[in-house]
C-alpha atoms as a PDB file:
ATOM      1  CA  MET A   1     176.585  80.881  89.916  1.00  0.00           C
ATOM      2  CA  PRO A   2     173.217  80.918  88.151  1.00  0.00           C
ATOM      3  CA  ARG A   3     173.335  81.969  84.533  1.00  0.00           C
ATOM      4  CA  TYR A   4     170.872  84.366  82.899  1.00  0.00           C
ATOM      5  CA  GLN A   5     170.513  83.956  79.164  1.00  0.00           C
ATOM      6  CA  ASP A   6     168.261  85.325  76.470  1.00  0.00           C
ATOM      7  CA  ALA A   7     168.599  85.866  72.736  1.00  0.00           C
ATOM      8  CA  ASP A   8     170.848  88.919  73.156  1.00  0.00           C
ATOM      9  CA  LEU A   9     173.030  88.310  76.205  1.00  0.00           C
ATOM     10  CA  THR A  10     174.315  85.977  78.873  1.00  0.00           C
ATOM     11  CA  PHE A  11     175.708  86.703  82.327  1.00  0.00           C
ATOM     12  CA  GLU A  12     176.139  85.059  85.714  1.00  0.00           C
ATOM     13  CA  THR A  13     174.640  86.266  88.990  1.00  0.00           C
ATOM     14  CA  PRO A  14     175.594  85.561  92.594  1.00  0.00           C
ATOM     15  CA  ALA A  15     174.153  82.277  93.839  1.00  0.00           C
ATOM     16  CA  ASP A  16     171.990  83.906  96.521  1.00  0.00           C
ATOM     17  CA  TRP A  17     170.288  86.380  94.140  1.00  0.00           C
ATOM     18  CA  GLN A  18     166.699  85.705  93.056  1.00  0.00           C
ATOM     19  CA  ASP A  19     165.666  85.760  89.414  1.00  0.00           C
ATOM     20  CA  ARG A  20     163.084  88.584  89.294  1.00  0.00           C
ATOM     21  CA  THR A  21     163.068  88.841  85.501  1.00  0.00           C
ATOM     22  CA  ILE A  22     160.529  91.178  83.925  1.00  0.00           C
ATOM     23  CA  VAL A  23     159.602  90.738  80.254  1.00  0.00           C
ATOM     24  CA  ALA A  24     157.376  93.318  78.589  1.00  0.00           C
ATOM     25  CA  PHE A  25     155.727  93.548  75.181  1.00  0.00           C
ATOM     26  CA  ALA A  26     153.678  96.472  73.921  1.00  0.00           C
ATOM     27  CA  ALA A  27     151.022  96.508  71.235  1.00  0.00           C
ATOM     28  CA  PRO A  28     151.130  99.314  68.668  1.00  0.00           C
ATOM     29  CA  ALA A  29     149.920 102.510  70.293  1.00  0.00           C
ATOM     30  CA  ARG A  30     146.691 103.945  68.980  1.00  0.00           C
ATOM     31  CA  PRO A  31     146.904 107.588  67.918  1.00  0.00           C
ATOM     32  CA  GLY A  32     145.945 109.908  70.744  1.00  0.00           C
ATOM     33  CA  ARG A  33     146.329 107.255  73.451  1.00  0.00           C
ATOM     34  CA  ALA A  34     148.665 107.883  76.367  1.00  0.00           C
ATOM     35  CA  LEU A  35     148.998 104.167  77.102  1.00  0.00           C
ATOM     36  CA  ALA A  36     149.981 101.386  74.720  1.00  0.00           C
ATOM     37  CA  PRO A  37     148.347  98.070  75.603  1.00  0.00           C
ATOM     38  CA  ASN A  38     150.962  95.743  77.025  1.00  0.00           C
ATOM     39  CA  LEU A  39     151.770  92.303  78.321  1.00  0.00           C
ATOM     40  CA  VAL A  40     154.175  92.044  81.229  1.00  0.00           C
ATOM     41  CA  LEU A  41     155.607  88.771  82.515  1.00  0.00           C
ATOM     42  CA  THR A  42     157.113  88.872  86.009  1.00  0.00           C
ATOM     43  CA  ARG A  43     158.697  86.326  88.328  1.00  0.00           C
ATOM     44  CA  ASP A  44     157.888  86.431  91.998  1.00  0.00           C
ATOM     45  CA  PRO A  45     158.973  84.136  94.826  1.00  0.00           C
ATOM     46  CA  ALA A  46     156.139  82.176  96.425  1.00  0.00           C
ATOM     47  CA  GLY A  47     155.957  81.812 100.170  1.00  0.00           C
ATOM     48  CA  ASP A  48     156.936  78.526 101.789  1.00  0.00           C
ATOM     49  CA  LYS A  49     154.364  75.902 100.787  1.00  0.00           C
ATOM     50  CA  GLU A  50     152.182  78.624  99.241  1.00  0.00           C
ATOM     51  CA  SER A  51     149.763  77.419  96.578  1.00  0.00           C
ATOM     52  CA  VAL A  52     149.111  79.360  93.406  1.00  0.00           C
ATOM     53  CA  ALA A  53     145.576  80.065  94.682  1.00  0.00           C
ATOM     54  CA  SER A  54     146.780  81.547  97.971  1.00  0.00           C
ATOM     55  CA  TYR A  55     149.427  83.577  96.122  1.00  0.00           C
ATOM     56  CA  ALA A  56     146.768  84.969  93.744  1.00  0.00           C
ATOM     57  CA  ASP A  57     144.461  85.819  96.641  1.00  0.00           C
ATOM     58  CA  ARG A  58     147.297  87.600  98.415  1.00  0.00           C
ATOM     59  CA  GLN A  59     147.921  89.640  95.250  1.00  0.00           C
ATOM     60  CA  LEU A  60     144.248  90.583  95.018  1.00  0.00           C
ATOM     61  CA  VAL A  61     144.221  91.799  98.625  1.00  0.00           C
ATOM     62  CA  GLU A  62     147.266  93.992  97.901  1.00  0.00           C
ATOM     63  CA  PHE A  63     145.724  95.379  94.696  1.00  0.00           C
ATOM     64  CA  ALA A  64     142.520  96.222  96.572  1.00  0.00           C
ATOM     65  CA  LYS A  65     144.562  98.184  99.117  1.00  0.00           C
ATOM     66  CA  ARG A  66     146.800 100.037  96.634  1.00  0.00           C
ATOM     67  CA  LEU A  67     144.754 100.668  93.466  1.00  0.00           C
ATOM     68  CA  ASP A  68     142.160 103.449  93.300  1.00  0.00           C
ATOM     69  CA  ASP A  69     138.611 102.154  92.812  1.00  0.00           C
ATOM     70  CA  PHE A  70     139.817  98.562  92.445  1.00  0.00           C
ATOM     71  CA  ASP A  71     136.977  96.400  91.106  1.00  0.00           C
ATOM     72  CA  LEU A  72     137.469  92.641  90.724  1.00  0.00           C
ATOM     73  CA  GLN A  73     135.555  91.462  87.657  1.00  0.00           C
ATOM     74  CA  ASP A  74     136.434  87.761  87.692  1.00  0.00           C
ATOM     75  CA  ARG A  75     138.636  85.186  89.434  1.00  0.00           C
ATOM     76  CA  ARG A  76     138.872  81.576  88.366  1.00  0.00           C
ATOM     77  CA  GLU A  77     141.152  78.595  88.498  1.00  0.00           C
ATOM     78  CA  ARG A  78     142.487  77.236  85.199  1.00  0.00           C
ATOM     79  CA  THR A  79     145.528  75.555  83.723  1.00  0.00           C
ATOM     80  CA  LEU A  80     148.300  77.259  81.810  1.00  0.00           C
ATOM     81  CA  GLY A  81     150.765  75.194  79.818  1.00  0.00           C
ATOM     82  CA  GLY A  82     149.586  72.114  81.712  1.00  0.00           C
ATOM     83  CA  LEU A  83     150.126  73.638  85.168  1.00  0.00           C
ATOM     84  CA  PRO A  84     147.500  74.808  87.694  1.00  0.00           C
ATOM     85  CA  ALA A  85     146.929  78.555  87.479  1.00  0.00           C
ATOM     86  CA  VAL A  86     144.626  81.298  88.712  1.00  0.00           C
ATOM     87  CA  GLU A  87     143.295  84.003  86.405  1.00  0.00           C
ATOM     88  CA  PHE A  88     141.648  87.226  87.470  1.00  0.00           C
ATOM     89  CA  GLU A  89     140.492  90.392  85.785  1.00  0.00           C
ATOM     90  CA  PHE A  90     139.968  93.780  87.385  1.00  0.00           C
ATOM     91  CA  THR A  91     139.653  97.483  86.715  1.00  0.00           C
ATOM     92  CA  TRP A  92     141.029 100.462  88.555  1.00  0.00           C
ATOM     93  CA  HIS A  93     141.436 104.194  88.010  1.00  0.00           C
ATOM     94  CA  ASN A  94     144.774 105.845  87.363  1.00  0.00           C
ATOM     95  CA  THR A  95     145.781 109.221  85.952  1.00  0.00           C
ATOM     96  CA  LEU A  96     145.222 108.003  82.364  1.00  0.00           C
ATOM     97  CA  GLY A  97     141.690 106.727  82.960  1.00  0.00           C
ATOM     98  CA  VAL A  98     140.155 103.368  83.798  1.00  0.00           C
ATOM     99  CA  LEU A  99     142.648 100.556  83.346  1.00  0.00           C
ATOM    100  CA  ARG A 100     141.581  96.949  82.855  1.00  0.00           C
ATOM    101  CA  GLN A 101     144.052  94.225  83.711  1.00  0.00           C
ATOM    102  CA  ARG A 102     143.887  90.471  83.252  1.00  0.00           C
ATOM    103  CA  GLN A 103     146.464  88.453  85.164  1.00  0.00           C
ATOM    104  CA  VAL A 104     147.279  84.755  85.108  1.00  0.00           C
ATOM    105  CA  CYS A 105     149.449  83.380  87.924  1.00  0.00           C
ATOM    106  CA  VAL A 106     151.141  79.993  87.598  1.00  0.00           C
ATOM    107  CA  LEU A 107     153.425  78.245  90.083  1.00  0.00           C
ATOM    108  CA  LEU A 108     156.584  77.051  88.373  1.00  0.00           C
ATOM    109  CA  GLY A 109     158.487  74.492  90.401  1.00  0.00           C
ATOM    110  CA  LYS A 110     157.961  74.927  94.111  1.00  0.00           C
ATOM    111  CA  ARG A 111     158.890  78.525  94.741  1.00  0.00           C
ATOM    112  CA  THR A 112     158.459  80.704  91.618  1.00  0.00           C
ATOM    113  CA  VAL A 113     155.240  82.307  90.451  1.00  0.00           C
ATOM    114  CA  LEU A 114     155.043  83.592  86.889  1.00  0.00           C
ATOM    115  CA  ASN A 115     152.526  86.398  86.375  1.00  0.00           C
ATOM    116  CA  PHE A 116     151.239  87.165  82.877  1.00  0.00           C
ATOM    117  CA  THR A 117     149.504  90.566  82.974  1.00  0.00           C
ATOM    118  CA  LEU A 118     147.705  92.279  80.103  1.00  0.00           C
ATOM    119  CA  SER A 119     146.974  95.955  80.691  1.00  0.00           C
ATOM    120  CA  ALA A 120     145.025  98.431  78.588  1.00  0.00           C
ATOM    121  CA  LEU A 121     142.612 101.273  78.884  1.00  0.00           C
ATOM    122  CA  GLU A 122     139.195  99.758  79.479  1.00  0.00           C
ATOM    123  CA  GLU A 123     137.813 100.852  76.105  1.00  0.00           C
ATOM    124  CA  ASP A 124     140.765  99.221  74.275  1.00  0.00           C
ATOM    125  CA  PHE A 125     140.693  95.957  76.194  1.00  0.00           C
ATOM    126  CA  PRO A 126     138.082  93.936  74.235  1.00  0.00           C
ATOM    127  CA  ALA A 127     140.077  94.275  70.999  1.00  0.00           C
ATOM    128  CA  LEU A 128     143.132  92.751  72.722  1.00  0.00           C
ATOM    129  CA  GLU A 129     141.582  89.663  74.279  1.00  0.00           C
ATOM    130  CA  SER A 130     142.073  87.507  71.192  1.00  0.00           C
ATOM    131  CA  ALA A 131     145.796  88.301  71.082  1.00  0.00           C
ATOM    132  CA  PHE A 132     146.185  87.630  74.804  1.00  0.00           C
ATOM    133  CA  ASN A 133     144.285  84.339  74.514  1.00  0.00           C
ATOM    134  CA  SER A 134     146.616  83.289  71.677  1.00  0.00           C
ATOM    135  CA  ILE A 135     149.689  84.110  73.744  1.00  0.00           C
ATOM    136  CA  LEU A 136     148.391  82.108  76.706  1.00  0.00           C
ATOM    137  CA  ALA A 137     147.406  79.172  74.493  1.00  0.00           C
ATOM    138  CA  GLY A 138     151.011  78.991  73.281  1.00  0.00           C
ATOM    139  CA  VAL A 139     152.626  78.926  76.734  1.00  0.00           C
ATOM    140  CA  ARG A 140     154.728  75.797  77.288  1.00  0.00           C
ATOM    141  CA  PHE A 141     156.893  74.836  80.255  1.00  0.00           C
ATOM    142  CA  PRO A 142     159.865  72.469  79.828  1.00  0.00           C
ATOM    143  CA  GLU A 143     158.897  70.593  83.015  1.00  0.00           C
ATOM    144  CA  VAL A 144     155.473  69.666  81.560  1.00  0.00           C
ATOM    145  CA  PRO A 145     155.348  67.150  78.695  1.00  0.00           C
ATOM    146  CA  ASP A 146     153.777  68.518  75.532  1.00  0.00           C
ATOM    147  CA  ARG A 147     150.471  66.640  75.437  1.00  0.00           C
ATOM    148  CA  ALA A 148     150.062  67.306  71.705  1.00  0.00           C
ATOM    149  CA  ALA A 149     153.264  65.358  71.036  1.00  0.00           C
ATOM    150  CA  VAL A 150     152.102  62.343  73.059  1.00  0.00           C
ATOM    151  CA  VAL A 151     150.353  59.733  70.942  1.00  0.00           C
ATOM    152  CA  PRO A 152     148.093  57.471  72.994  1.00  0.00           C
ATOM    153  CA  ASN A 153     148.842  53.753  72.940  1.00  0.00           C
ATOM    154  CA  ARG A 154     145.968  52.191  71.038  1.00  0.00           C
ATOM    155  CA  ALA A 155     145.132  48.512  71.088  1.00  0.00           C
ATOM    156  CA  ARG A 156     145.015  46.791  67.692  1.00  0.00           C
ATOM    157  CA  TYR A 157     142.086  44.613  66.797  1.00  0.00           C
END
């Protein structure tokens, strides 16, 4: 049985269950705001032989169908923690106002996509980008060697 573990608990799940863990962090709420800026990390199964780019594009198509006044601002390929990733940013309207979201998708192993999503009201978003960039810069995956710890072999003269 697969084991789930975090700092506060441990338990086992049936072998055929998928890990669909959701981790959420919220910034301090500004007075008078109905929405606290937040970062949500989700796990999602990738399709058979699906690349991170095709997964991200599939997500964008779904968002365009489901979110009112969806407007894609940017989509680009990048790396995250040494792995290929796709980042996109978009706005949409909900009952609280215009929401801006920035999402980074990374394929972990062969079948799991991790999605890092920052959400905030559009007017609050610029003040949060530095914090989000810091979080992303600190992402490390055990399967990828830490390049900062690798010292290149230098010839002696």
